Amino acid sequence: MSGMKNISKAEVMVLKEQVAYQQGQVVSKTLAQNEHLSVTLFSFDKGEEISTHESGGDAFVTCLDGVGKITIDGISYELHEGESIVMPAKHPHAVFGQEQFKMLLVVVF
């Protein structure tokens, strides 16, 4: 795949409005995906999570809305709107919706 998908182009937007909350769910919307890069929007309902796993690339997370808990190597970090963290490649990490939480995930392989 080349380029962006599932998002308007040449149009000003509010990124956090591009993915909706759904009760009891984690929702994802892929914007770009190839062998070098993955760009995905996520929304987490309060209490929802992506359990501990590892990635082959560095994963850059920016909180777009709400409060999320990011756990890397067993250490938890609370992420608020406008804050970012990098989950290093090949390190166990997890994401939890402390409150309803939206994030932009950019993974570089």
Protein backbone atom coordinates (compact mmCIF):
# COMPACT_ATOMS: atom_id res chain seq x y z
CA MET A 1 0.00 0.00 0.00
CA SER A 2 1.29 3.45 -0.76
CA GLY A 3 -0.07 6.63 0.72
CA MET A 4 -2.82 7.28 3.25
CA LYS A 5 -6.25 5.66 3.40
CA ASN A 6 -9.45 6.02 5.43
CA ILE A 7 -8.90 9.75 5.95
CA SER A 8 -9.66 12.94 4.04
CA LYS A 9 -6.84 14.63 2.17
CA ALA A 10 -6.25 18.36 1.63
CA GLU A 11 -8.78 19.10 4.37
CA VAL A 12 -8.28 20.55 7.85
CA MET A 13 -9.55 18.11 10.48
CA VAL A 14 -9.49 17.34 14.17
CA LEU A 15 -7.67 14.02 14.36
CA LYS A 16 -9.44 12.76 17.50
CA GLU A 17 -12.78 13.12 15.69
CA GLN A 18 -11.67 10.60 13.04
CA VAL A 19 -12.28 7.59 15.33
CA ALA A 20 -15.35 7.13 17.56
CA TYR A 21 -15.75 5.58 20.99
CA GLN A 22 -17.81 2.41 21.12
CA GLN A 23 -19.09 0.99 24.38
CA GLY A 24 -17.03 -1.95 25.63
CA GLN A 25 -14.65 -1.90 22.67
CA VAL A 26 -11.27 -0.93 21.34
CA VAL A 27 -11.74 0.61 17.88
CA SER A 28 -8.90 0.98 15.37
CA LYS A 29 -8.70 2.82 12.07
CA THR A 30 -5.65 2.18 9.89
CA LEU A 31 -4.39 5.25 8.04
CA ALA A 32 -1.23 3.80 6.47
CA GLN A 33 0.42 0.38 6.46
CA ASN A 34 3.50 -0.98 4.72
CA GLU A 35 6.69 -2.88 5.55
CA HIS A 36 8.32 0.26 7.01
CA LEU A 37 5.48 2.13 8.73
CA SER A 38 2.08 1.69 10.35
CA VAL A 39 -0.18 4.63 11.28
CA THR A 40 -3.35 3.82 13.22
CA LEU A 41 -5.94 5.72 15.25
CA PHE A 42 -7.38 3.96 18.30
CA SER A 43 -10.21 4.62 20.72
CA PHE A 44 -10.54 2.69 23.98
CA ASP A 45 -13.67 2.67 26.06
CA LYS A 46 -12.94 3.01 29.77
CA GLY A 47 -11.48 -0.25 31.07
CA GLU A 48 -10.69 -1.70 27.63
CA GLU A 49 -7.15 -2.76 26.74
CA ILE A 50 -4.68 -4.26 24.34
CA SER A 51 -2.89 -6.87 26.44
CA THR A 52 0.87 -7.24 26.75
CA HIS A 53 2.63 -7.95 23.47
CA GLU A 54 5.80 -6.98 21.57
CA SER A 55 6.28 -5.17 18.27
CA GLY A 56 9.01 -5.45 15.67
CA GLY A 57 9.22 -1.66 15.43
CA ASP A 58 9.40 1.36 17.70
CA ALA A 59 5.84 2.41 18.52
CA PHE A 60 5.23 6.14 19.01
CA VAL A 61 1.97 6.91 20.87
CA THR A 62 0.31 10.33 21.17
CA CYS A 63 -2.75 10.75 23.38
CA LEU A 64 -5.47 12.61 21.47
CA ASP A 65 -8.20 12.49 24.14
CA GLY A 66 -8.80 11.15 27.64
CA VAL A 67 -6.36 9.24 29.82
CA GLY A 68 -4.52 6.05 28.94
CA LYS A 69 -2.13 3.82 30.80
CA ILE A 70 0.86 2.57 28.83
CA THR A 71 2.90 -0.24 30.38
CA ILE A 72 6.41 -0.88 29.06
CA ASP A 73 8.62 -3.60 30.60
CA GLY A 74 6.24 -3.75 33.58
CA ILE A 75 6.43 0.02 34.30
CA SER A 76 3.18 2.00 33.91
CA TYR A 77 2.95 5.53 32.50
CA GLU A 78 -0.21 7.66 32.50
CA LEU A 79 -0.73 9.52 29.22
CA HIS A 80 -2.93 12.63 28.97
CA GLU A 81 -4.10 14.61 25.94
CA GLY A 82 -1.13 16.04 24.05
CA GLU A 83 1.42 13.73 25.70
CA SER A 84 3.47 11.09 23.86
CA ILE A 85 5.65 8.09 24.64
CA VAL A 86 7.72 5.61 22.61
CA MET A 87 7.27 1.90 23.24
CA PRO A 88 10.62 0.45 22.10
CA ALA A 89 10.74 -2.43 19.63
CA LYS A 90 10.90 -5.92 21.11
CA HIS A 91 9.94 -4.71 24.62
CA PRO A 92 6.70 -6.01 26.16
CA HIS A 93 4.04 -3.33 26.32
CA ALA A 94 0.29 -2.91 26.84
CA VAL A 95 -2.31 -0.13 26.50
CA PHE A 96 -5.26 0.39 28.87
CA GLY A 97 -8.11 2.91 28.79
CA GLN A 98 -7.80 4.47 32.25
CA GLU A 99 -10.71 6.65 31.10
CA GLN A 100 -12.07 6.79 27.57
CA PHE A 101 -8.88 7.24 25.57
CA LYS A 102 -7.94 8.01 21.97
CA MET A 103 -4.44 7.72 20.58
CA LEU A 104 -2.44 7.96 17.39
CA LEU A 105 0.00 5.07 16.97
CA VAL A 106 2.92 5.34 14.57
CA VAL A 107 5.11 2.23 14.33
CA VAL A 108 8.41 2.48 12.48
CA PHE A 109 9.90 -0.88 11.43
